[in-house]
Amino acid sequence: MKYAVIIEKRPESFGAYAPDLPGCAVVGNSREEVVQLIQEAIEMHLQCLKDHGDEIPPPVSSFEFVDVAAQPVDMENSQS
């Protein structure tokens, strides 16, 4: 099974979560680390659901990159 995973870069860390598996999220120091951690977390999450006799949610989420006309804002140099 393949689940969509969202990876977010933060100033000092990375985070990842699986939208189809509420509560399944991880934080790590690098993109590579969170990819490994979220894969392990998904496997454990599914095993826990199975062990408790709960239904395994099917992977239904997807993602798409869209082009937009707006330019990124440099928050470090913007003045309020």
PDB file of N, CA and C in Angstrom:
ATOM      1  N   MET A   1       0.834  -1.176   0.000  1.00  0.00           N
ATOM      2  CA  MET A   1       0.000   0.000   0.000  1.00  0.00           C
ATOM      3  C   MET A   1       0.882   1.244   0.000  1.00  0.00           C
ATOM      4  N   LYS A   2       0.441   2.268  -0.695  1.00  0.00           N
ATOM      5  CA  LYS A   2       1.163   3.542  -0.695  1.00  0.00           C
ATOM      6  C   LYS A   2       0.242   4.628  -0.164  1.00  0.00           C
ATOM      7  N   TYR A   3       0.710   5.336   0.861  1.00  0.00           N
ATOM      8  CA  TYR A   3      -0.023   6.459   1.439  1.00  0.00           C
ATOM      9  C   TYR A   3       0.672   7.763   1.058  1.00  0.00           C
ATOM     10  N   ALA A   4      -0.119   8.781   0.764  1.00  0.00           N
ATOM     11  CA  ALA A   4       0.439  10.117   0.538  1.00  0.00           C
ATOM     12  C   ALA A   4       1.006  10.630   1.857  1.00  0.00           C
ATOM     13  N   VAL A   5       2.135  11.271   1.780  1.00  0.00           N
ATOM     14  CA  VAL A   5       2.792  11.835   2.957  1.00  0.00           C
ATOM     15  C   VAL A   5       3.141  13.285   2.650  1.00  0.00           C
ATOM     16  N   ILE A   6       2.868  14.160   3.591  1.00  0.00           N
ATOM     17  CA  ILE A   6       3.229  15.572   3.463  1.00  0.00           C
ATOM     18  C   ILE A   6       4.480  15.814   4.297  1.00  0.00           C
ATOM     19  N   ILE A   7       5.477  16.417   3.680  1.00  0.00           N
ATOM     20  CA  ILE A   7       6.718  16.742   4.387  1.00  0.00           C
ATOM     21  C   ILE A   7       6.817  18.259   4.448  1.00  0.00           C
ATOM     22  N   GLU A   8       7.029  18.770   5.649  1.00  0.00           N
ATOM     23  CA  GLU A   8       7.126  20.214   5.860  1.00  0.00           C
ATOM     24  C   GLU A   8       8.496  20.568   6.415  1.00  0.00           C
ATOM     25  N   LYS A   9       9.134  21.576   5.812  1.00  0.00           N
ATOM     26  CA  LYS A   9      10.415  22.065   6.305  1.00  0.00           C
ATOM     27  C   LYS A   9      10.148  23.218   7.254  1.00  0.00           C
ATOM     28  N   ARG A  10      10.739  23.151   8.418  1.00  0.00           N
ATOM     29  CA  ARG A  10      10.658  24.219   9.416  1.00  0.00           C
ATOM     30  C   ARG A  10      12.050  24.838   9.562  1.00  0.00           C
ATOM     31  N   PRO A  11      12.155  25.957  10.253  1.00  0.00           N
ATOM     32  CA  PRO A  11      13.476  26.599  10.384  1.00  0.00           C
ATOM     33  C   PRO A  11      14.562  25.680  10.941  1.00  0.00           C
ATOM     34  N   GLU A  12      14.199  24.818  11.886  1.00  0.00           N
ATOM     35  CA  GLU A  12      15.233  23.985  12.505  1.00  0.00           C
ATOM     36  C   GLU A  12      14.916  22.496  12.480  1.00  0.00           C
ATOM     37  N   SER A  13      13.884  22.087  11.731  1.00  0.00           N
ATOM     38  CA  SER A  13      13.514  20.676  11.694  1.00  0.00           C
ATOM     39  C   SER A  13      12.641  20.396  10.479  1.00  0.00           C
ATOM     40  N   PHE A  14      12.253  19.153  10.336  1.00  0.00           N
ATOM     41  CA  PHE A  14      11.314  18.719   9.313  1.00  0.00           C
ATOM     42  C   PHE A  14      10.195  17.964  10.010  1.00  0.00           C
ATOM     43  N   GLY A  15       9.013  18.017   9.425  1.00  0.00           N
ATOM     44  CA  GLY A  15       7.889  17.249   9.938  1.00  0.00           C
ATOM     45  C   GLY A  15       7.244  16.506   8.786  1.00  0.00           C
ATOM     46  N   ALA A  16       6.536  15.431   9.096  1.00  0.00           N
ATOM     47  CA  ALA A  16       5.814  14.680   8.071  1.00  0.00           C
ATOM     48  C   ALA A  16       4.570  14.080   8.694  1.00  0.00           C
ATOM     49  N   TYR A  17       3.515  13.974   7.880  1.00  0.00           N
ATOM     50  CA  TYR A  17       2.288  13.340   8.338  1.00  0.00           C
ATOM     51  C   TYR A  17       1.588  12.687   7.159  1.00  0.00           C
ATOM     52  N   ALA A  18       0.734  11.727   7.486  1.00  0.00           N
ATOM     53  CA  ALA A  18      -0.051  11.005   6.489  1.00  0.00           C
ATOM     54  C   ALA A  18      -1.504  11.448   6.630  1.00  0.00           C
ATOM     55  N   PRO A  19      -2.045  12.214   5.668  1.00  0.00           N
ATOM     56  CA  PRO A  19      -3.411  12.734   5.791  1.00  0.00           C
ATOM     57  C   PRO A  19      -4.480  11.654   5.963  1.00  0.00           C
ATOM     58  N   ASP A  20      -4.257  10.474   5.427  1.00  0.00           N
ATOM     59  CA  ASP A  20      -5.249   9.401   5.533  1.00  0.00           C
ATOM     60  C   ASP A  20      -5.200   8.664   6.865  1.00  0.00           C
ATOM     61  N   LEU A  21      -4.201   8.984   7.692  1.00  0.00           N
ATOM     62  CA  LEU A  21      -4.032   8.308   8.981  1.00  0.00           C
ATOM     63  C   LEU A  21      -3.939   9.362  10.081  1.00  0.00           C
ATOM     64  N   PRO A  22      -5.072   9.871  10.547  1.00  0.00           N
ATOM     65  CA  PRO A  22      -5.057  10.924  11.566  1.00  0.00           C
ATOM     66  C   PRO A  22      -4.184  10.557  12.771  1.00  0.00           C
ATOM     67  N   GLY A  23      -3.357  11.503  13.171  1.00  0.00           N
ATOM     68  CA  GLY A  23      -2.487  11.290  14.318  1.00  0.00           C
ATOM     69  C   GLY A  23      -1.151  10.667  13.976  1.00  0.00           C
ATOM     70  N   CYS A  24      -0.962  10.282  12.727  1.00  0.00           N
ATOM     71  CA  CYS A  24       0.298   9.654  12.320  1.00  0.00           C
ATOM     72  C   CYS A  24       1.224  10.740  11.789  1.00  0.00           C
ATOM     73  N   ALA A  25       2.144  11.199  12.650  1.00  0.00           N
ATOM     74  CA  ALA A  25       3.035  12.299  12.307  1.00  0.00           C
ATOM     75  C   ALA A  25       4.378  12.113  13.000  1.00  0.00           C
ATOM     76  N   VAL A  26       5.421  12.692  12.402  1.00  0.00           N
ATOM     77  CA  VAL A  26       6.768  12.587  12.961  1.00  0.00           C
ATOM     78  C   VAL A  26       7.500  13.913  12.782  1.00  0.00           C
ATOM     79  N   VAL A  27       8.575  14.082  13.535  1.00  0.00           N
ATOM     80  CA  VAL A  27       9.460  15.234  13.420  1.00  0.00           C
ATOM     81  C   VAL A  27      10.884  14.708  13.425  1.00  0.00           C
ATOM     82  N   GLY A  28      11.745  15.305  12.603  1.00  0.00           N
ATOM     83  CA  GLY A  28      13.145  14.889  12.566  1.00  0.00           C
ATOM     84  C   GLY A  28      14.039  16.045  12.161  1.00  0.00           C
ATOM     85  N   ASN A  29      15.327  15.753  12.114  1.00  0.00           N
ATOM     86  CA  ASN A  29      16.320  16.782  11.812  1.00  0.00           C
ATOM     87  C   ASN A  29      16.574  16.980  10.330  1.00  0.00           C
ATOM     88  N   SER A  30      16.194  16.015   9.499  1.00  0.00           N
ATOM     89  CA  SER A  30      16.436  16.116   8.063  1.00  0.00           C
ATOM     90  C   SER A  30      15.274  15.495   7.297  1.00  0.00           C
ATOM     91  N   ARG A  31      15.200  15.818   6.023  1.00  0.00           N
ATOM     92  CA  ARG A  31      14.173  15.232   5.165  1.00  0.00           C
ATOM     93  C   ARG A  31      14.324  13.709   5.131  1.00  0.00           C
ATOM     94  N   GLU A  32      15.540  13.251   4.985  1.00  0.00           N
ATOM     95  CA  GLU A  32      15.797  11.811   4.932  1.00  0.00           C
ATOM     96  C   GLU A  32      15.325  11.116   6.209  1.00  0.00           C
ATOM     97  N   GLU A  33      15.570  11.750   7.347  1.00  0.00           N
ATOM     98  CA  GLU A  33      15.160  11.164   8.622  1.00  0.00           C
ATOM     99  C   GLU A  33      13.637  11.077   8.719  1.00  0.00           C
ATOM    100  N   VAL A  34      12.920  12.155   8.341  1.00  0.00           N
ATOM    101  CA  VAL A  34      11.461  12.097   8.480  1.00  0.00           C
ATOM    102  C   VAL A  34      10.829  11.122   7.492  1.00  0.00           C
ATOM    103  N   VAL A  35      11.441  10.934   6.320  1.00  0.00           N
ATOM    104  CA  VAL A  35      10.916   9.934   5.381  1.00  0.00           C
ATOM    105  C   VAL A  35      11.010   8.547   6.011  1.00  0.00           C
ATOM    106  N   GLN A  36      12.142   8.246   6.616  1.00  0.00           N
ATOM    107  CA  GLN A  36      12.311   6.952   7.283  1.00  0.00           C
ATOM    108  C   GLN A  36      11.365   6.831   8.477  1.00  0.00           C
ATOM    109  N   LEU A  37      11.274   7.896   9.274  1.00  0.00           N
ATOM    110  CA  LEU A  37      10.426   7.858  10.464  1.00  0.00           C
ATOM    111  C   LEU A  37       8.946   7.729  10.119  1.00  0.00           C
ATOM    112  N   ILE A  38       8.474   8.428   9.067  1.00  0.00           N
ATOM    113  CA  ILE A  38       7.054   8.341   8.741  1.00  0.00           C
ATOM    114  C   ILE A  38       6.720   6.966   8.170  1.00  0.00           C
ATOM    115  N   GLN A  39       7.635   6.359   7.445  1.00  0.00           N
ATOM    116  CA  GLN A  39       7.399   5.004   6.952  1.00  0.00           C
ATOM    117  C   GLN A  39       7.240   4.042   8.133  1.00  0.00           C
ATOM    118  N   GLU A  40       8.121   4.148   9.111  1.00  0.00           N
ATOM    119  CA  GLU A  40       8.031   3.305  10.304  1.00  0.00           C
ATOM    120  C   GLU A  40       6.752   3.605  11.082  1.00  0.00           C
ATOM    121  N   ALA A  41       6.402   4.894  11.198  1.00  0.00           N
ATOM    122  CA  ALA A  41       5.200   5.282  11.941  1.00  0.00           C
ATOM    123  C   ALA A  41       3.941   4.744  11.266  1.00  0.00           C
ATOM    124  N   ILE A  42       3.894   4.802   9.943  1.00  0.00           N
ATOM    125  CA  ILE A  42       2.735   4.275   9.215  1.00  0.00           C
ATOM    126  C   ILE A  42       2.615   2.777   9.438  1.00  0.00           C
ATOM    127  N   GLU A  43       3.724   2.074   9.353  1.00  0.00           N
ATOM    128  CA  GLU A  43       3.698   0.620   9.578  1.00  0.00           C
ATOM    129  C   GLU A  43       3.205   0.290  10.984  1.00  0.00           C
ATOM    130  N   MET A  44       3.695   1.025  11.984  1.00  0.00           N
ATOM    131  CA  MET A  44       3.254   0.789  13.362  1.00  0.00           C
ATOM    132  C   MET A  44       1.790   1.165  13.551  1.00  0.00           C
ATOM    133  N   HIS A  45       1.374   2.258  12.935  1.00  0.00           N
ATOM    134  CA  HIS A  45      -0.014   2.720  13.032  1.00  0.00           C
ATOM    135  C   HIS A  45      -0.962   1.669  12.463  1.00  0.00           C
ATOM    136  N   LEU A  46      -0.630   1.155  11.279  1.00  0.00           N
ATOM    137  CA  LEU A  46      -1.473   0.132  10.651  1.00  0.00           C
ATOM    138  C   LEU A  46      -1.505  -1.151  11.476  1.00  0.00           C
ATOM    139  N   GLN A  47      -0.365  -1.535  12.040  1.00  0.00           N
ATOM    140  CA  GLN A  47      -0.319  -2.735  12.869  1.00  0.00           C
ATOM    141  C   GLN A  47      -1.172  -2.564  14.119  1.00  0.00           C
ATOM    142  N   CYS A  48      -1.120  -1.387  14.710  1.00  0.00           N
ATOM    143  CA  CYS A  48      -1.922  -1.106  15.900  1.00  0.00           C
ATOM    144  C   CYS A  48      -3.418  -1.176  15.568  1.00  0.00           C
ATOM    145  N   LEU A  49      -3.816  -0.598  14.443  1.00  0.00           N
ATOM    146  CA  LEU A  49      -5.223  -0.677  14.026  1.00  0.00           C
ATOM    147  C   LEU A  49      -5.638  -2.141  13.846  1.00  0.00           C
ATOM    148  N   LYS A  50      -4.785  -2.892  13.177  1.00  0.00           N
ATOM    149  CA  LYS A  50      -5.063  -4.318  12.932  1.00  0.00           C
ATOM    150  C   LYS A  50      -5.177  -5.074  14.254  1.00  0.00           C
ATOM    151  N   ASP A  51      -4.246  -4.841  15.168  1.00  0.00           N
ATOM    152  CA  ASP A  51      -4.244  -5.528  16.466  1.00  0.00           C
ATOM    153  C   ASP A  51      -5.509  -5.242  17.269  1.00  0.00           C
ATOM    154  N   HIS A  52      -6.075  -4.053  17.085  1.00  0.00           N
ATOM    155  CA  HIS A  52      -7.285  -3.673  17.817  1.00  0.00           C
ATOM    156  C   HIS A  52      -8.567  -4.000  17.048  1.00  0.00           C
ATOM    157  N   GLY A  53      -8.411  -4.632  15.898  1.00  0.00           N
ATOM    158  CA  GLY A  53      -9.573  -5.010  15.107  1.00  0.00           C
ATOM    159  C   GLY A  53     -10.232  -3.855  14.384  1.00  0.00           C
ATOM    160  N   ASP A  54      -9.510  -2.735  14.265  1.00  0.00           N
ATOM    161  CA  ASP A  54     -10.050  -1.573  13.577  1.00  0.00           C
ATOM    162  C   ASP A  54      -9.821  -1.678  12.074  1.00  0.00           C
ATOM    163  N   GLU A  55     -10.641  -0.985  11.332  1.00  0.00           N
ATOM    164  CA  GLU A  55     -10.524  -0.974   9.878  1.00  0.00           C
ATOM    165  C   GLU A  55      -9.285  -0.190   9.446  1.00  0.00           C
ATOM    166  N   ILE A  56      -8.577  -0.702   8.455  1.00  0.00           N
ATOM    167  CA  ILE A  56      -7.423   0.001   7.895  1.00  0.00           C
ATOM    168  C   ILE A  56      -7.950   0.997   6.858  1.00  0.00           C
ATOM    169  N   PRO A  57      -7.717   2.292   7.072  1.00  0.00           N
ATOM    170  CA  PRO A  57      -8.209   3.277   6.102  1.00  0.00           C
ATOM    171  C   PRO A  57      -7.489   3.118   4.762  1.00  0.00           C
ATOM    172  N   PRO A  58      -8.225   3.120   3.677  1.00  0.00           N
ATOM    173  CA  PRO A  58      -7.565   3.030   2.374  1.00  0.00           C
ATOM    174  C   PRO A  58      -6.849   4.338   2.054  1.00  0.00           C
ATOM    175  N   PRO A  59      -5.758   4.257   1.314  1.00  0.00           N
ATOM    176  CA  PRO A  59      -5.088   5.489   0.900  1.00  0.00           C
ATOM    177  C   PRO A  59      -5.908   6.175  -0.187  1.00  0.00           C
ATOM    178  N   VAL A  60      -6.456   7.347   0.141  1.00  0.00           N
ATOM    179  CA  VAL A  60      -7.283   8.073  -0.821  1.00  0.00           C
ATOM    180  C   VAL A  60      -6.751   9.477  -1.120  1.00  0.00           C
ATOM    181  N   SER A  61      -5.876   9.998  -0.289  1.00  0.00           N
ATOM    182  CA  SER A  61      -5.343  11.344  -0.509  1.00  0.00           C
ATOM    183  C   SER A  61      -4.321  11.339  -1.634  1.00  0.00           C
ATOM    184  N   SER A  62      -4.206  12.485  -2.264  1.00  0.00           N
ATOM    185  CA  SER A  62      -3.188  12.678  -3.288  1.00  0.00           C
ATOM    186  C   SER A  62      -2.686  14.113  -3.162  1.00  0.00           C
ATOM    187  N   PHE A  63      -1.738  14.467  -3.975  1.00  0.00           N
ATOM    188  CA  PHE A  63      -1.252  15.839  -3.938  1.00  0.00           C
ATOM    189  C   PHE A  63      -1.016  16.316  -5.355  1.00  0.00           C
ATOM    190  N   GLU A  64      -0.962  17.602  -5.487  1.00  0.00           N
ATOM    191  CA  GLU A  64      -0.712  18.218  -6.788  1.00  0.00           C
ATOM    192  C   GLU A  64       0.031  19.523  -6.552  1.00  0.00           C
ATOM    193  N   PHE A  65       1.058  19.766  -7.336  1.00  0.00           N
ATOM    194  CA  PHE A  65       1.716  21.062  -7.319  1.00  0.00           C
ATOM    195  C   PHE A  65       0.987  21.954  -8.316  1.00  0.00           C
ATOM    196  N   VAL A  66       0.735  23.187  -7.932  1.00  0.00           N
ATOM    197  CA  VAL A  66       0.069  24.124  -8.826  1.00  0.00           C
ATOM    198  C   VAL A  66       0.948  25.359  -9.007  1.00  0.00           C
ATOM    199  N   ASP A  67       0.937  25.892 -10.205  1.00  0.00           N
ATOM    200  CA  ASP A  67       1.676  27.120 -10.493  1.00  0.00           C
ATOM    201  C   ASP A  67       0.829  28.318 -10.081  1.00  0.00           C
ATOM    202  N   VAL A  68       1.459  29.269  -9.404  1.00  0.00           N
ATOM    203  CA  VAL A  68       0.777  30.495  -9.009  1.00  0.00           C
ATOM    204  C   VAL A  68       1.618  31.694  -9.434  1.00  0.00           C
ATOM    205  N   ALA A  69       0.969  32.831  -9.631  1.00  0.00           N
ATOM    206  CA  ALA A  69       1.662  34.025 -10.095  1.00  0.00           C
ATOM    207  C   ALA A  69       2.384  34.756  -8.966  1.00  0.00           C
ATOM    208  N   ALA A  70       1.992  34.523  -7.733  1.00  0.00           N
ATOM    209  CA  ALA A  70       2.577  35.246  -6.595  1.00  0.00           C
ATOM    210  C   ALA A  70       4.043  34.873  -6.406  1.00  0.00           C
ATOM    211  N   GLN A  71       4.821  35.847  -5.963  1.00  0.00           N
ATOM    212  CA  GLN A  71       6.223  35.625  -5.654  1.00  0.00           C
ATOM    213  C   GLN A  71       6.373  35.327  -4.168  1.00  0.00           C
ATOM    214  N   PRO A  72       7.321  34.466  -3.793  1.00  0.00           N
ATOM    215  CA  PRO A  72       7.526  34.195  -2.365  1.00  0.00           C
ATOM    216  C   PRO A  72       7.918  35.459  -1.603  1.00  0.00           C
ATOM    217  N   VAL A  73       7.488  35.537  -0.358  1.00  0.00           N
ATOM    218  CA  VAL A  73       7.812  36.677   0.492  1.00  0.00           C
ATOM    219  C   VAL A  73       8.996  36.294   1.369  1.00  0.00           C
ATOM    220  N   ASP A  74       9.989  37.150   1.414  1.00  0.00           N
ATOM    221  CA  ASP A  74      11.146  36.944   2.267  1.00  0.00           C
ATOM    222  C   ASP A  74      10.788  37.477   3.653  1.00  0.00           C
ATOM    223  N   MET A  75      10.329  36.585   4.549  1.00  0.00           N
ATOM    224  CA  MET A  75       9.852  36.999   5.866  1.00  0.00           C
ATOM    225  C   MET A  75      10.963  37.604   6.733  1.00  0.00           C
ATOM    226  N   GLU A  76      12.213  37.206   6.490  1.00  0.00           N
ATOM    227  CA  GLU A  76      13.307  37.722   7.305  1.00  0.00           C
ATOM    228  C   GLU A  76      13.584  39.194   7.014  1.00  0.00           C
ATOM    229  N   ASN A  77      13.325  39.610   5.761  1.00  0.00           N
ATOM    230  CA  ASN A  77      13.638  41.002   5.372  1.00  0.00           C
ATOM    231  C   ASN A  77      12.401  41.863   5.187  1.00  0.00           C
ATOM    232  N   SER A  78      11.200  41.306   5.452  1.00  0.00           N
ATOM    233  CA  SER A  78       9.998  42.113   5.292  1.00  0.00           C
ATOM    234  C   SER A  78       9.810  43.002   6.526  1.00  0.00           C
ATOM    235  N   GLN A  79       9.237  44.177   6.304  1.00  0.00           N
ATOM    236  CA  GLN A  79       8.989  45.102   7.398  1.00  0.00           C
ATOM    237  C   GLN A  79       7.492  45.192   7.639  1.00  0.00           C
ATOM    238  N   SER A  80       7.090  45.165   8.894  1.00  0.00           N
ATOM    239  CA  SER A  80       5.661  45.266   9.230  1.00  0.00           C
ATOM    240  C   SER A  80       5.312  46.653   9.666  1.00  0.00           C
TER     241      SER A  80
END
